[in-house]
Amino acid sequence: MVKVYAVVLVVGVVALFAWVIARAFAVNIERPSIDPEERFGVRGRRVVAAMVGFGMAGMSAEFSPLGIPWPLALALALLGAAAAVWYAGWAGRDDPASPETEIG
């Protein structure tokens, strides 16, 4: 299972870096057509977060000094993915009290 966690983590981190770079580039040149936030939205952000969360939690559980058995490590990896999915949706929502959303 370590190989699965490692591959998912690497793919997730590469996707995360690509997301950040593409978002920054699109915002700087004002082209929403290449912005991943516009193209994929919250669902895409949650997919990337799930990969990173699953890989990080799985690797952490597998290399724990407690000697966690693999079924429990898999459950912890899924819990890590669920937490990352929740946080990616929560952190990305617009704050109605922010000065950018106020009119006038």
C-alpha atoms as a PDB file:
ATOM      1  CA  MET A   1       0.000   0.000   0.000  1.00  0.00           C
ATOM      2  CA  VAL A   2       2.945   2.329   0.490  1.00  0.00           C
ATOM      3  CA  LYS A   3       3.442   2.489  -3.275  1.00  0.00           C
ATOM      4  CA  VAL A   4      -0.203   3.451  -3.774  1.00  0.00           C
ATOM      5  CA  TYR A   5       0.038   6.232  -1.185  1.00  0.00           C
ATOM      6  CA  ALA A   6       3.304   7.457  -2.687  1.00  0.00           C
ATOM      7  CA  VAL A   7       1.994   7.582  -6.258  1.00  0.00           C
ATOM      8  CA  VAL A   8      -1.236   9.332  -5.234  1.00  0.00           C
ATOM      9  CA  LEU A   9       0.735  11.822  -3.135  1.00  0.00           C
ATOM     10  CA  VAL A  10       3.131  12.648  -5.974  1.00  0.00           C
ATOM     11  CA  VAL A  11       0.296  13.073  -8.472  1.00  0.00           C
ATOM     12  CA  GLY A  12      -1.601  15.235  -5.982  1.00  0.00           C
ATOM     13  CA  VAL A  13       1.362  17.475  -5.201  1.00  0.00           C
ATOM     14  CA  VAL A  14       2.154  17.940  -8.905  1.00  0.00           C
ATOM     15  CA  ALA A  15      -1.511  18.790  -9.541  1.00  0.00           C
ATOM     16  CA  LEU A  16      -1.474  21.215  -6.611  1.00  0.00           C
ATOM     17  CA  PHE A  17       1.622  23.019  -7.921  1.00  0.00           C
ATOM     18  CA  ALA A  18       0.132  23.140 -11.416  1.00  0.00           C
ATOM     19  CA  TRP A  19      -3.117  24.520  -9.980  1.00  0.00           C
ATOM     20  CA  VAL A  20      -1.337  27.293  -8.072  1.00  0.00           C
ATOM     21  CA  ILE A  21       0.884  28.269 -10.994  1.00  0.00           C
ATOM     22  CA  ALA A  22      -1.987  28.233 -13.516  1.00  0.00           C
ATOM     23  CA  ARG A  23      -4.199  30.253 -11.157  1.00  0.00           C
ATOM     24  CA  ALA A  24      -1.516  32.875 -10.560  1.00  0.00           C
ATOM     25  CA  PHE A  25      -0.744  33.121 -14.268  1.00  0.00           C
ATOM     26  CA  ALA A  26      -4.418  33.432 -15.239  1.00  0.00           C
ATOM     27  CA  VAL A  27      -5.092  36.112 -12.640  1.00  0.00           C
ATOM     28  CA  ASN A  28      -2.006  38.122 -13.620  1.00  0.00           C
ATOM     29  CA  ILE A  29      -2.791  38.194 -17.330  1.00  0.00           C
ATOM     30  CA  GLU A  30      -6.559  38.415 -16.738  1.00  0.00           C
ATOM     31  CA  ARG A  31      -7.511  35.335 -18.758  1.00  0.00           C
ATOM     32  CA  PRO A  32     -10.186  33.368 -16.932  1.00  0.00           C
ATOM     33  CA  SER A  33     -10.210  30.750 -19.704  1.00  0.00           C
ATOM     34  CA  ILE A  34      -7.017  29.176 -18.327  1.00  0.00           C
ATOM     35  CA  ASP A  35      -7.900  29.634 -14.649  1.00  0.00           C
ATOM     36  CA  PRO A  36      -8.446  26.244 -12.959  1.00  0.00           C
ATOM     37  CA  GLU A  37     -10.831  27.858 -10.466  1.00  0.00           C
ATOM     38  CA  GLU A  38     -13.062  28.900 -13.358  1.00  0.00           C
ATOM     39  CA  ARG A  39     -12.665  25.666 -15.329  1.00  0.00           C
ATOM     40  CA  PHE A  40     -12.919  23.084 -12.550  1.00  0.00           C
ATOM     41  CA  GLY A  41     -14.305  25.036  -9.587  1.00  0.00           C
ATOM     42  CA  VAL A  42     -14.659  23.662  -6.098  1.00  0.00           C
ATOM     43  CA  ARG A  43     -15.040  20.086  -7.341  1.00  0.00           C
ATOM     44  CA  GLY A  44     -11.615  20.171  -9.013  1.00  0.00           C
ATOM     45  CA  ARG A  45     -10.018  21.744  -5.955  1.00  0.00           C
ATOM     46  CA  ARG A  46     -11.514  19.019  -3.804  1.00  0.00           C
ATOM     47  CA  VAL A  47     -10.181  16.265  -6.076  1.00  0.00           C
ATOM     48  CA  VAL A  48      -6.650  17.650  -5.827  1.00  0.00           C
ATOM     49  CA  ALA A  49      -7.002  18.042  -2.054  1.00  0.00           C
ATOM     50  CA  ALA A  50      -8.290  14.476  -1.741  1.00  0.00           C
ATOM     51  CA  MET A  51      -5.236  13.093  -3.510  1.00  0.00           C
ATOM     52  CA  VAL A  52      -2.839  15.058  -1.321  1.00  0.00           C
ATOM     53  CA  GLY A  53      -4.752  14.216   1.867  1.00  0.00           C
ATOM     54  CA  PHE A  54      -5.002  10.524   1.025  1.00  0.00           C
ATOM     55  CA  GLY A  55      -1.312  10.245   0.198  1.00  0.00           C
ATOM     56  CA  MET A  56      -0.104  12.229   3.202  1.00  0.00           C
ATOM     57  CA  ALA A  57      -2.334  10.428   5.705  1.00  0.00           C
ATOM     58  CA  GLY A  58      -1.567   7.017   4.220  1.00  0.00           C
ATOM     59  CA  MET A  59       2.180   7.551   4.254  1.00  0.00           C
ATOM     60  CA  SER A  60       2.003   8.918   7.798  1.00  0.00           C
ATOM     61  CA  ALA A  61       0.024   5.911   8.995  1.00  0.00           C
ATOM     62  CA  GLU A  62       2.238   3.379   7.227  1.00  0.00           C
ATOM     63  CA  PHE A  63       5.442   4.833   8.641  1.00  0.00           C
ATOM     64  CA  SER A  64       4.052   5.373  12.131  1.00  0.00           C
ATOM     65  CA  PRO A  65       6.179   3.938  14.939  1.00  0.00           C
ATOM     66  CA  LEU A  66       3.006   2.361  16.360  1.00  0.00           C
ATOM     67  CA  GLY A  67       2.998  -0.430  13.761  1.00  0.00           C
ATOM     68  CA  ILE A  68      -0.501   0.254  12.459  1.00  0.00           C
ATOM     69  CA  PRO A  69      -1.938  -2.650  10.400  1.00  0.00           C
ATOM     70  CA  TRP A  70      -2.678  -1.876   6.768  1.00  0.00           C
ATOM     71  CA  PRO A  71      -6.510  -1.941   7.001  1.00  0.00           C
ATOM     72  CA  LEU A  72      -6.398   0.697   9.739  1.00  0.00           C
ATOM     73  CA  ALA A  73      -3.818   2.684   7.772  1.00  0.00           C
ATOM     74  CA  LEU A  74      -6.168   2.613   4.779  1.00  0.00           C
ATOM     75  CA  ALA A  75      -9.047   3.838   6.954  1.00  0.00           C
ATOM     76  CA  LEU A  76      -6.858   6.651   8.267  1.00  0.00           C
ATOM     77  CA  ALA A  77      -5.843   7.543   4.705  1.00  0.00           C
ATOM     78  CA  LEU A  78      -9.500   7.770   3.696  1.00  0.00           C
ATOM     79  CA  LEU A  79     -10.176   9.905   6.763  1.00  0.00           C
ATOM     80  CA  GLY A  80      -7.301  12.181   5.740  1.00  0.00           C
ATOM     81  CA  ALA A  81      -8.746  12.473   2.244  1.00  0.00           C
ATOM     82  CA  ALA A  82     -12.174  13.329   3.649  1.00  0.00           C
ATOM     83  CA  ALA A  83     -10.688  16.014   5.903  1.00  0.00           C
ATOM     84  CA  ALA A  84      -8.783  17.521   2.978  1.00  0.00           C
ATOM     85  CA  VAL A  85     -11.922  17.514   0.805  1.00  0.00           C
ATOM     86  CA  TRP A  86     -13.885  19.295   3.519  1.00  0.00           C
ATOM     87  CA  TYR A  87     -11.143  21.874   4.080  1.00  0.00           C
ATOM     88  CA  ALA A  88     -10.724  22.573   0.358  1.00  0.00           C
ATOM     89  CA  GLY A  89     -14.429  23.343   0.064  1.00  0.00           C
ATOM     90  CA  TRP A  90     -14.534  25.372   3.261  1.00  0.00           C
ATOM     91  CA  ALA A  91     -11.401  27.421   2.634  1.00  0.00           C
ATOM     92  CA  GLY A  92     -12.382  28.330  -0.909  1.00  0.00           C
ATOM     93  CA  ARG A  93     -15.781  29.823  -0.285  1.00  0.00           C
ATOM     94  CA  ASP A  94     -16.275  33.552  -0.565  1.00  0.00           C
ATOM     95  CA  ASP A  95     -16.463  35.503   2.668  1.00  0.00           C
ATOM     96  CA  PRO A  96     -19.493  37.827   2.569  1.00  0.00           C
ATOM     97  CA  ALA A  97     -17.819  40.216   5.017  1.00  0.00           C
ATOM     98  CA  SER A  98     -14.695  40.725   2.911  1.00  0.00           C
ATOM     99  CA  PRO A  99     -14.148  44.204   1.446  1.00  0.00           C
ATOM    100  CA  GLU A 100     -13.979  42.792  -2.084  1.00  0.00           C
ATOM    101  CA  THR A 101     -17.614  41.680  -1.992  1.00  0.00           C
ATOM    102  CA  GLU A 102     -19.071  44.911  -0.635  1.00  0.00           C
ATOM    103  CA  ILE A 103     -20.674  47.316  -3.088  1.00  0.00           C
ATOM    104  CA  GLY A 104     -20.418  51.060  -2.575  1.00  0.00           C
END
